[in-house]
């Protein structure tokens, strides 16, 4: 249930770049790449990070990404271009 809530919040919070409101269609972005997700998977008994045999996938509509394991966290769901409706 906790992971479902996290994925729901991430789906809502996918924001990388937004259009300006001044009408010139320029895009304001940061110059630093930011991951939207940082997930720790730990052993319930030892509290140690688990990476073997684990796959963490972020899904938002037709977007799907397997997160990568760096250090002791699963990172992914970085900034994406804005969706124009």
PDB file of N, CA and C in Angstrom:
ATOM      1  N   UNK A   1       0.821  -1.195   0.000  1.00  0.00           N
ATOM      2  CA  UNK A   1       0.000   0.000   0.000  1.00  0.00           C
ATOM      3  C   UNK A   1       0.865   1.259   0.000  1.00  0.00           C
ATOM      4  N   UNK A   2       1.971   1.201   0.763  1.00  0.00           N
ATOM      5  CA  UNK A   2       2.863   2.355   0.846  1.00  0.00           C
ATOM      6  C   UNK A   2       3.469   2.661  -0.526  1.00  0.00           C
ATOM      7  N   UNK A   3       3.853   1.602  -1.278  1.00  0.00           N
ATOM      8  CA  UNK A   3       4.450   1.813  -2.598  1.00  0.00           C
ATOM      9  C   UNK A   3       3.420   2.348  -3.589  1.00  0.00           C
ATOM     10  N   UNK A   4       2.174   1.911  -3.469  1.00  0.00           N
ATOM     11  CA  UNK A   4       1.117   2.431  -4.330  1.00  0.00           C
ATOM     12  C   UNK A   4       0.922   3.915  -4.088  1.00  0.00           C
ATOM     13  N   UNK A   5       0.940   4.335  -2.840  1.00  0.00           N
ATOM     14  CA  UNK A   5       0.808   5.750  -2.499  1.00  0.00           C
ATOM     15  C   UNK A   5       1.996   6.547  -3.040  1.00  0.00           C
ATOM     16  N   UNK A   6       3.200   5.996  -2.914  1.00  0.00           N
ATOM     17  CA  UNK A   6       4.383   6.680  -3.427  1.00  0.00           C
ATOM     18  C   UNK A   6       4.284   6.855  -4.932  1.00  0.00           C
ATOM     19  N   UNK A   7       3.900   5.791  -5.651  1.00  0.00           N
ATOM     20  CA  UNK A   7       3.786   5.888  -7.100  1.00  0.00           C
ATOM     21  C   UNK A   7       2.682   6.855  -7.509  1.00  0.00           C
ATOM     22  N   UNK A   8       1.601   6.906  -6.759  1.00  0.00           N
ATOM     23  CA  UNK A   8       0.535   7.866  -7.053  1.00  0.00           C
ATOM     24  C   UNK A   8       1.038   9.297  -6.880  1.00  0.00           C
ATOM     25  N   UNK A   9       1.727   9.559  -5.783  1.00  0.00           N
ATOM     26  CA  UNK A   9       2.263  10.901  -5.555  1.00  0.00           C
ATOM     27  C   UNK A   9       3.297  11.274  -6.605  1.00  0.00           C
ATOM     28  N   UNK A  10       4.109  10.313  -7.008  1.00  0.00           N
ATOM     29  CA  UNK A  10       5.101  10.585  -8.040  1.00  0.00           C
ATOM     30  C   UNK A  10       4.414  10.875  -9.364  1.00  0.00           C
ATOM     31  N   UNK A  11       3.373  10.106  -9.680  1.00  0.00           N
ATOM     32  CA  UNK A  11       2.634  10.348 -10.919  1.00  0.00           C
ATOM     33  C   UNK A  11       2.068  11.750 -10.965  1.00  0.00           C
ATOM     34  N   UNK A  12       1.583  12.231  -9.843  1.00  0.00           N
ATOM     35  CA  UNK A  12       1.051  13.591  -9.760  1.00  0.00           C
ATOM     36  C   UNK A  12       2.179  14.611  -9.794  1.00  0.00           C
ATOM     37  N   UNK A  13       3.309  14.260  -9.203  1.00  0.00           N
ATOM     38  CA  UNK A  13       4.380  15.229  -9.045  1.00  0.00           C
ATOM     39  C   UNK A  13       5.398  15.282 -10.169  1.00  0.00           C
ATOM     40  N   UNK A  14       5.173  14.559 -11.276  1.00  0.00           N
ATOM     41  CA  UNK A  14       6.113  14.620 -12.396  1.00  0.00           C
ATOM     42  C   UNK A  14       6.115  16.012 -13.003  1.00  0.00           C
ATOM     43  N   UNK A  15       7.084  16.793 -12.583  1.00  0.00           N
ATOM     44  CA  UNK A  15       7.222  18.138 -13.154  1.00  0.00           C
ATOM     45  C   UNK A  15       8.699  18.369 -13.390  1.00  0.00           C
ATOM     46  N   UNK A  16       9.053  18.615 -14.616  1.00  0.00           N
ATOM     47  CA  UNK A  16      10.449  18.899 -14.926  1.00  0.00           C
ATOM     48  C   UNK A  16      10.604  20.325 -15.387  1.00  0.00           C
ATOM     49  N   UNK A  17       9.905  20.655 -16.436  1.00  0.00           N
ATOM     50  CA  UNK A  17       9.964  21.988 -17.013  1.00  0.00           C
ATOM     51  C   UNK A  17       8.532  22.440 -17.274  1.00  0.00           C
ATOM     52  N   UNK A  18       8.301  23.691 -17.038  1.00  0.00           N
ATOM     53  CA  UNK A  18       6.961  24.226 -17.259  1.00  0.00           C
ATOM     54  C   UNK A  18       7.037  25.387 -18.231  1.00  0.00           C
ATOM     55  N   UNK A  19       5.984  25.560 -19.003  1.00  0.00           N
ATOM     56  CA  UNK A  19       5.920  26.719 -19.897  1.00  0.00           C
ATOM     57  C   UNK A  19       5.757  27.985 -19.082  1.00  0.00           C
ATOM     58  N   UNK A  20       6.354  29.060 -19.565  1.00  0.00           N
ATOM     59  CA  UNK A  20       6.143  30.361 -18.956  1.00  0.00           C
ATOM     60  C   UNK A  20       4.717  30.809 -19.232  1.00  0.00           C
ATOM     61  N   UNK A  21       4.221  31.712 -18.419  1.00  0.00           N
ATOM     62  CA  UNK A  21       2.888  32.262 -18.638  1.00  0.00           C
ATOM     63  C   UNK A  21       2.911  33.513 -19.502  1.00  0.00           C
ATOM     64  N   UNK A  22       4.075  33.877 -20.035  1.00  0.00           N
ATOM     65  CA  UNK A  22       4.149  35.108 -20.807  1.00  0.00           C
ATOM     66  C   UNK A  22       3.785  34.915 -22.279  1.00  0.00           C
ATOM     67  N   UNK A  23       3.465  33.687 -22.698  1.00  0.00           N
ATOM     68  CA  UNK A  23       2.956  33.443 -24.034  1.00  0.00           C
ATOM     69  C   UNK A  23       3.998  33.285 -25.118  1.00  0.00           C
ATOM     70  N   UNK A  24       5.289  33.353 -24.813  1.00  0.00           N
ATOM     71  CA  UNK A  24       6.283  33.229 -25.873  1.00  0.00           C
ATOM     72  C   UNK A  24       6.779  31.791 -26.055  1.00  0.00           C
ATOM     73  N   UNK A  25       6.172  30.841 -25.356  1.00  0.00           N
ATOM     74  CA  UNK A  25       6.467  29.410 -25.467  1.00  0.00           C
ATOM     75  C   UNK A  25       7.907  29.045 -25.116  1.00  0.00           C
ATOM     76  N   UNK A  26       8.599  29.876 -24.363  1.00  0.00           N
ATOM     77  CA  UNK A  26       9.916  29.485 -23.867  1.00  0.00           C
ATOM     78  C   UNK A  26       9.724  28.553 -22.685  1.00  0.00           C
ATOM     79  N   UNK A  27      10.709  27.731 -22.442  1.00  0.00           N
ATOM     80  CA  UNK A  27      10.623  26.761 -21.358  1.00  0.00           C
ATOM     81  C   UNK A  27      11.683  27.101 -20.318  1.00  0.00           C
ATOM     82  N   UNK A  28      11.256  27.245 -19.075  1.00  0.00           N
ATOM     83  CA  UNK A  28      12.176  27.533 -17.975  1.00  0.00           C
ATOM     84  C   UNK A  28      12.554  26.220 -17.297  1.00  0.00           C
ATOM     85  N   UNK A  29      13.836  25.891 -17.322  1.00  0.00           N
ATOM     86  CA  UNK A  29      14.310  24.634 -16.736  1.00  0.00           C
ATOM     87  C   UNK A  29      15.493  24.904 -15.822  1.00  0.00           C
ATOM     88  N   UNK A  30      15.711  23.986 -14.893  1.00  0.00           N
ATOM     89  CA  UNK A  30      16.921  24.056 -14.087  1.00  0.00           C
ATOM     90  C   UNK A  30      18.077  23.526 -14.912  1.00  0.00           C
ATOM     91  N   UNK A  31      19.283  23.832 -14.526  1.00  0.00           N
ATOM     92  CA  UNK A  31      20.451  23.309 -15.220  1.00  0.00           C
ATOM     93  C   UNK A  31      20.980  22.062 -14.534  1.00  0.00           C
ATOM     94  N   UNK A  32      20.308  21.612 -13.492  1.00  0.00           N
ATOM     95  CA  UNK A  32      20.699  20.429 -12.744  1.00  0.00           C
ATOM     96  C   UNK A  32      19.653  19.354 -12.967  1.00  0.00           C
ATOM     97  N   UNK A  33      20.103  18.152 -13.333  1.00  0.00           N
ATOM     98  CA  UNK A  33      19.175  17.036 -13.525  1.00  0.00           C
ATOM     99  C   UNK A  33      18.766  16.489 -12.166  1.00  0.00           C
ATOM    100  N   UNK A  34      17.485  16.431 -11.917  1.00  0.00           N
ATOM    101  CA  UNK A  34      16.952  15.993 -10.628  1.00  0.00           C
ATOM    102  C   UNK A  34      16.130  14.715 -10.814  1.00  0.00           C
ATOM    103  N   UNK A  35      16.384  13.713  -9.965  1.00  0.00           N
ATOM    104  CA  UNK A  35      15.568  12.504  -9.971  1.00  0.00           C
ATOM    105  C   UNK A  35      14.314  12.745  -9.147  1.00  0.00           C
ATOM    106  N   UNK A  36      13.188  12.294  -9.653  1.00  0.00           N
ATOM    107  CA  UNK A  36      11.920  12.442  -8.948  1.00  0.00           C
ATOM    108  C   UNK A  36      11.724  11.390  -7.874  1.00  0.00           C
ATOM    109  N   UNK A  37      12.418  10.267  -7.999  1.00  0.00           N
ATOM    110  CA  UNK A  37      12.282   9.180  -7.037  1.00  0.00           C
ATOM    111  C   UNK A  37      13.637   8.779  -6.467  1.00  0.00           C
ATOM    112  N   UNK A  38      13.660   8.543  -5.182  1.00  0.00           N
ATOM    113  CA  UNK A  38      14.793   7.937  -4.497  1.00  0.00           C
ATOM    114  C   UNK A  38      14.191   6.957  -3.506  1.00  0.00           C
ATOM    115  N   UNK A  39      14.313   5.679  -3.798  1.00  0.00           N
ATOM    116  CA  UNK A  39      13.642   4.648  -2.995  1.00  0.00           C
ATOM    117  C   UNK A  39      14.687   3.737  -2.364  1.00  0.00           C
ATOM    118  N   UNK A  40      14.514   3.457  -1.088  1.00  0.00           N
ATOM    119  CA  UNK A  40      15.374   2.521  -0.372  1.00  0.00           C
ATOM    120  C   UNK A  40      14.591   1.250  -0.122  1.00  0.00           C
ATOM    121  N   UNK A  41      15.157   0.113  -0.518  1.00  0.00           N
ATOM    122  CA  UNK A  41      14.572  -1.201  -0.244  1.00  0.00           C
ATOM    123  C   UNK A  41      15.489  -1.873   0.761  1.00  0.00           C
ATOM    124  N   UNK A  42      14.945  -2.179   1.953  1.00  0.00           N
ATOM    125  CA  UNK A  42      15.784  -2.732   3.019  1.00  0.00           C
ATOM    126  C   UNK A  42      15.223  -4.038   3.552  1.00  0.00           C
ATOM    127  N   UNK A  43      16.108  -4.849   4.088  1.00  0.00           N
ATOM    128  CA  UNK A  43      15.735  -6.093   4.746  1.00  0.00           C
ATOM    129  C   UNK A  43      15.040  -5.754   6.058  1.00  0.00           C
ATOM    130  N   UNK A  44      13.880  -6.339   6.303  1.00  0.00           N
ATOM    131  CA  UNK A  44      13.095  -6.016   7.498  1.00  0.00           C
ATOM    132  C   UNK A  44      13.800  -6.435   8.782  1.00  0.00           C
ATOM    133  N   UNK A  45      14.648  -7.444   8.721  1.00  0.00           N
ATOM    134  CA  UNK A  45      15.317  -7.940   9.919  1.00  0.00           C
ATOM    135  C   UNK A  45      16.622  -7.193  10.173  1.00  0.00           C
ATOM    136  N   UNK A  46      17.468  -7.085   9.145  1.00  0.00           N
ATOM    137  CA  UNK A  46      18.796  -6.498   9.338  1.00  0.00           C
ATOM    138  C   UNK A  46      18.847  -5.003   9.063  1.00  0.00           C
ATOM    139  N   UNK A  47      17.895  -4.493   8.282  1.00  0.00           N
ATOM    140  CA  UNK A  47      17.892  -3.083   7.921  1.00  0.00           C
ATOM    141  C   UNK A  47      18.881  -2.740   6.822  1.00  0.00           C
ATOM    142  N   UNK A  48      19.546  -3.759   6.248  1.00  0.00           N
ATOM    143  CA  UNK A  48      20.516  -3.526   5.188  1.00  0.00           C
ATOM    144  C   UNK A  48      19.815  -3.323   3.849  1.00  0.00           C
ATOM    145  N   UNK A  49      20.438  -2.507   2.996  1.00  0.00           N
ATOM    146  CA  UNK A  49      19.890  -2.254   1.667  1.00  0.00           C
ATOM    147  C   UNK A  49      19.895  -3.535   0.840  1.00  0.00           C
ATOM    148  N   UNK A  50      18.848  -3.718   0.050  1.00  0.00           N
ATOM    149  CA  UNK A  50      18.723  -4.879  -0.821  1.00  0.00           C
ATOM    150  C   UNK A  50      18.752  -4.399  -2.264  1.00  0.00           C
ATOM    151  N   UNK A  51      19.623  -5.022  -3.061  1.00  0.00           N
ATOM    152  CA  UNK A  51      19.657  -4.708  -4.488  1.00  0.00           C
ATOM    153  C   UNK A  51      19.535  -5.954  -5.350  1.00  0.00           C
ATOM    154  N   UNK A  52      19.936  -7.102  -4.827  1.00  0.00           N
ATOM    155  CA  UNK A  52      19.892  -8.344  -5.580  1.00  0.00           C
ATOM    156  C   UNK A  52      18.452  -8.829  -5.730  1.00  0.00           C
ATOM    157  N   UNK A  53      18.058  -9.132  -6.972  1.00  0.00           N
ATOM    158  CA  UNK A  53      16.736  -9.689  -7.233  1.00  0.00           C
ATOM    159  C   UNK A  53      15.596  -8.696  -7.110  1.00  0.00           C
ATOM    160  N   UNK A  54      15.912  -7.395  -7.111  1.00  0.00           N
ATOM    161  CA  UNK A  54      14.881  -6.364  -6.960  1.00  0.00           C
ATOM    162  C   UNK A  54      14.809  -5.548  -8.249  1.00  0.00           C
ATOM    163  N   UNK A  55      13.593  -5.293  -8.702  1.00  0.00           N
ATOM    164  CA  UNK A  55      13.370  -4.386  -9.821  1.00  0.00           C
ATOM    165  C   UNK A  55      12.345  -3.359  -9.367  1.00  0.00           C
ATOM    166  N   UNK A  56      12.661  -2.087  -9.519  1.00  0.00           N
ATOM    167  CA  UNK A  56      11.743  -1.009  -9.146  1.00  0.00           C
ATOM    168  C   UNK A  56      11.361  -0.294 -10.433  1.00  0.00           C
ATOM    169  N   UNK A  57      10.047  -0.239 -10.710  1.00  0.00           N
ATOM    170  CA  UNK A  57       9.551   0.367 -11.942  1.00  0.00           C
ATOM    171  C   UNK A  57       8.582   1.488 -11.613  1.00  0.00           C
ATOM    172  N   UNK A  58       8.813   2.662 -12.213  1.00  0.00           N
ATOM    173  CA  UNK A  58       7.902   3.800 -12.081  1.00  0.00           C
ATOM    174  C   UNK A  58       7.039   3.836 -13.344  1.00  0.00           C
ATOM    175  N   UNK A  59       5.733   4.007 -13.175  1.00  0.00           N
ATOM    176  CA  UNK A  59       4.804   4.044 -14.299  1.00  0.00           C
ATOM    177  C   UNK A  59       3.877   5.239 -14.154  1.00  0.00           C
ATOM    178  N   UNK A  60       3.693   5.968 -15.263  1.00  0.00           N
ATOM    179  CA  UNK A  60       2.780   7.111 -15.306  1.00  0.00           C
ATOM    180  C   UNK A  60       2.140   7.120 -16.691  1.00  0.00           C
ATOM    181  N   UNK A  61       0.900   6.648 -16.799  1.00  0.00           N
ATOM    182  CA  UNK A  61       0.247   6.540 -18.105  1.00  0.00           C
ATOM    183  C   UNK A  61       1.009   5.570 -18.981  1.00  0.00           C
ATOM    184  N   UNK A  62       1.431   6.013 -20.177  1.00  0.00           N
ATOM    185  CA  UNK A  62       2.178   5.127 -21.061  1.00  0.00           C
ATOM    186  C   UNK A  62       3.693   5.229 -20.824  1.00  0.00           C
ATOM    187  N   UNK A  63       4.125   6.030 -19.866  1.00  0.00           N
ATOM    188  CA  UNK A  63       5.533   6.156 -19.494  1.00  0.00           C
ATOM    189  C   UNK A  63       5.866   5.096 -18.457  1.00  0.00           C
ATOM    190  N   UNK A  64       6.974   4.397 -18.656  1.00  0.00           N
ATOM    191  CA  UNK A  64       7.426   3.399 -17.700  1.00  0.00           C
ATOM    192  C   UNK A  64       8.948   3.422 -17.688  1.00  0.00           C
ATOM    193  N   UNK A  65       9.526   3.352 -16.504  1.00  0.00           N
ATOM    194  CA  UNK A  65      10.984   3.399 -16.377  1.00  0.00           C
ATOM    195  C   UNK A  65      11.419   2.498 -15.236  1.00  0.00           C
ATOM    196  N   UNK A  66      12.417   1.639 -15.499  1.00  0.00           N
ATOM    197  CA  UNK A  66      13.044   0.862 -14.435  1.00  0.00           C
ATOM    198  C   UNK A  66      14.071   1.749 -13.764  1.00  0.00           C
ATOM    199  N   UNK A  67      13.988   1.863 -12.442  1.00  0.00           N
ATOM    200  CA  UNK A  67      14.916   2.711 -11.708  1.00  0.00           C
ATOM    201  C   UNK A  67      16.273   2.029 -11.617  1.00  0.00           C
ATOM    202  N   UNK A  68      17.347   2.827 -11.453  1.00  0.00           N
ATOM    203  CA  UNK A  68      18.692   2.276 -11.357  1.00  0.00           C
ATOM    204  C   UNK A  68      19.164   2.333  -9.902  1.00  0.00           C
ATOM    205  N   UNK A  69      19.974   1.357  -9.544  1.00  0.00           N
ATOM    206  CA  UNK A  69      20.489   1.262  -8.177  1.00  0.00           C
ATOM    207  C   UNK A  69      21.836   1.956  -8.093  1.00  0.00           C
ATOM    208  N   UNK A  70      21.917   3.015  -7.279  1.00  0.00           N
ATOM    209  CA  UNK A  70      23.160   3.754  -7.065  1.00  0.00           C
ATOM    210  C   UNK A  70      23.363   3.925  -5.565  1.00  0.00           C
ATOM    211  N   UNK A  71      24.500   3.472  -5.091  1.00  0.00           N
ATOM    212  CA  UNK A  71      24.778   3.592  -3.659  1.00  0.00           C
ATOM    213  C   UNK A  71      23.876   2.659  -2.877  1.00  0.00           C
ATOM    214  N   UNK A  72      22.949   3.209  -2.139  1.00  0.00           N
ATOM    215  CA  UNK A  72      21.999   2.387  -1.389  1.00  0.00           C
ATOM    216  C   UNK A  72      20.549   2.739  -1.734  1.00  0.00           C
ATOM    217  N   UNK A  73      20.343   3.428  -2.868  1.00  0.00           N
ATOM    218  CA  UNK A  73      19.000   3.863  -3.256  1.00  0.00           C
ATOM    219  C   UNK A  73      18.727   3.534  -4.715  1.00  0.00           C
ATOM    220  N   UNK A  74      17.445   3.364  -5.015  1.00  0.00           N
ATOM    221  CA  UNK A  74      16.976   3.217  -6.388  1.00  0.00           C
ATOM    222  C   UNK A  74      16.583   4.611  -6.858  1.00  0.00           C
ATOM    223  N   UNK A  75      17.191   5.077  -7.959  1.00  0.00           N
ATOM    224  CA  UNK A  75      16.945   6.420  -8.458  1.00  0.00           C
ATOM    225  C   UNK A  75      16.350   6.361  -9.862  1.00  0.00           C
ATOM    226  N   UNK A  76      15.455   7.297 -10.136  1.00  0.00           N
ATOM    227  CA  UNK A  76      14.889   7.377 -11.479  1.00  0.00           C
ATOM    228  C   UNK A  76      13.785   8.403 -11.547  1.00  0.00           C
ATOM    229  N   UNK A  77      13.019   8.299 -12.614  1.00  0.00           N
ATOM    230  CA  UNK A  77      11.915   9.234 -12.863  1.00  0.00           C
ATOM    231  C   UNK A  77      12.421  10.664 -12.840  1.00  0.00           C
ATOM    232  N   UNK A  78      13.467  10.891 -13.618  1.00  0.00           N
ATOM    233  CA  UNK A  78      14.036  12.224 -13.694  1.00  0.00           C
ATOM    234  C   UNK A  78      13.157  13.170 -14.498  1.00  0.00           C
ATOM    235  N   UNK A  79      13.652  14.349 -14.696  1.00  0.00           N
ATOM    236  CA  UNK A  79      12.886  15.374 -15.406  1.00  0.00           C
ATOM    237  C   UNK A  79      12.590  14.913 -16.820  1.00  0.00           C
ATOM    238  N   UNK A  80      11.366  15.209 -17.264  1.00  0.00           N
ATOM    239  CA  UNK A  80      10.948  14.884 -18.620  1.00  0.00           C
ATOM    240  C   UNK A  80      10.462  16.154 -19.275  1.00  0.00           C
ATOM    241  N   UNK A  81      10.474  16.186 -20.610  1.00  0.00           N
ATOM    242  CA  UNK A  81       9.955  17.361 -21.303  1.00  0.00           C
ATOM    243  C   UNK A  81       8.482  17.566 -20.955  1.00  0.00           C
ATOM    244  N   UNK A  82       7.993  18.805 -20.993  1.00  0.00           N
ATOM    245  CA  UNK A  82       6.584  19.057 -20.680  1.00  0.00           C
ATOM    246  C   UNK A  82       5.680  18.408 -21.710  1.00  0.00           C
ATOM    247  N   UNK A  83       4.526  17.967 -21.256  1.00  0.00           N
ATOM    248  CA  UNK A  83       3.514  17.413 -22.161  1.00  0.00           C
ATOM    249  C   UNK A  83       2.586  18.532 -22.577  1.00  0.00           C
ATOM    250  N   UNK A  84       2.408  18.682 -23.841  1.00  0.00           N
ATOM    251  CA  UNK A  84       1.485  19.711 -24.352  1.00  0.00           C
ATOM    252  C   UNK A  84       0.169  19.031 -24.671  1.00  0.00           C
ATOM    253  N   UNK A  85      -0.884  19.488 -24.042  1.00  0.00           N
ATOM    254  CA  UNK A  85      -2.210  18.900 -24.239  1.00  0.00           C
ATOM    255  C   UNK A  85      -2.930  19.544 -25.381  1.00  0.00           C
TER     256      UNK A  85
END
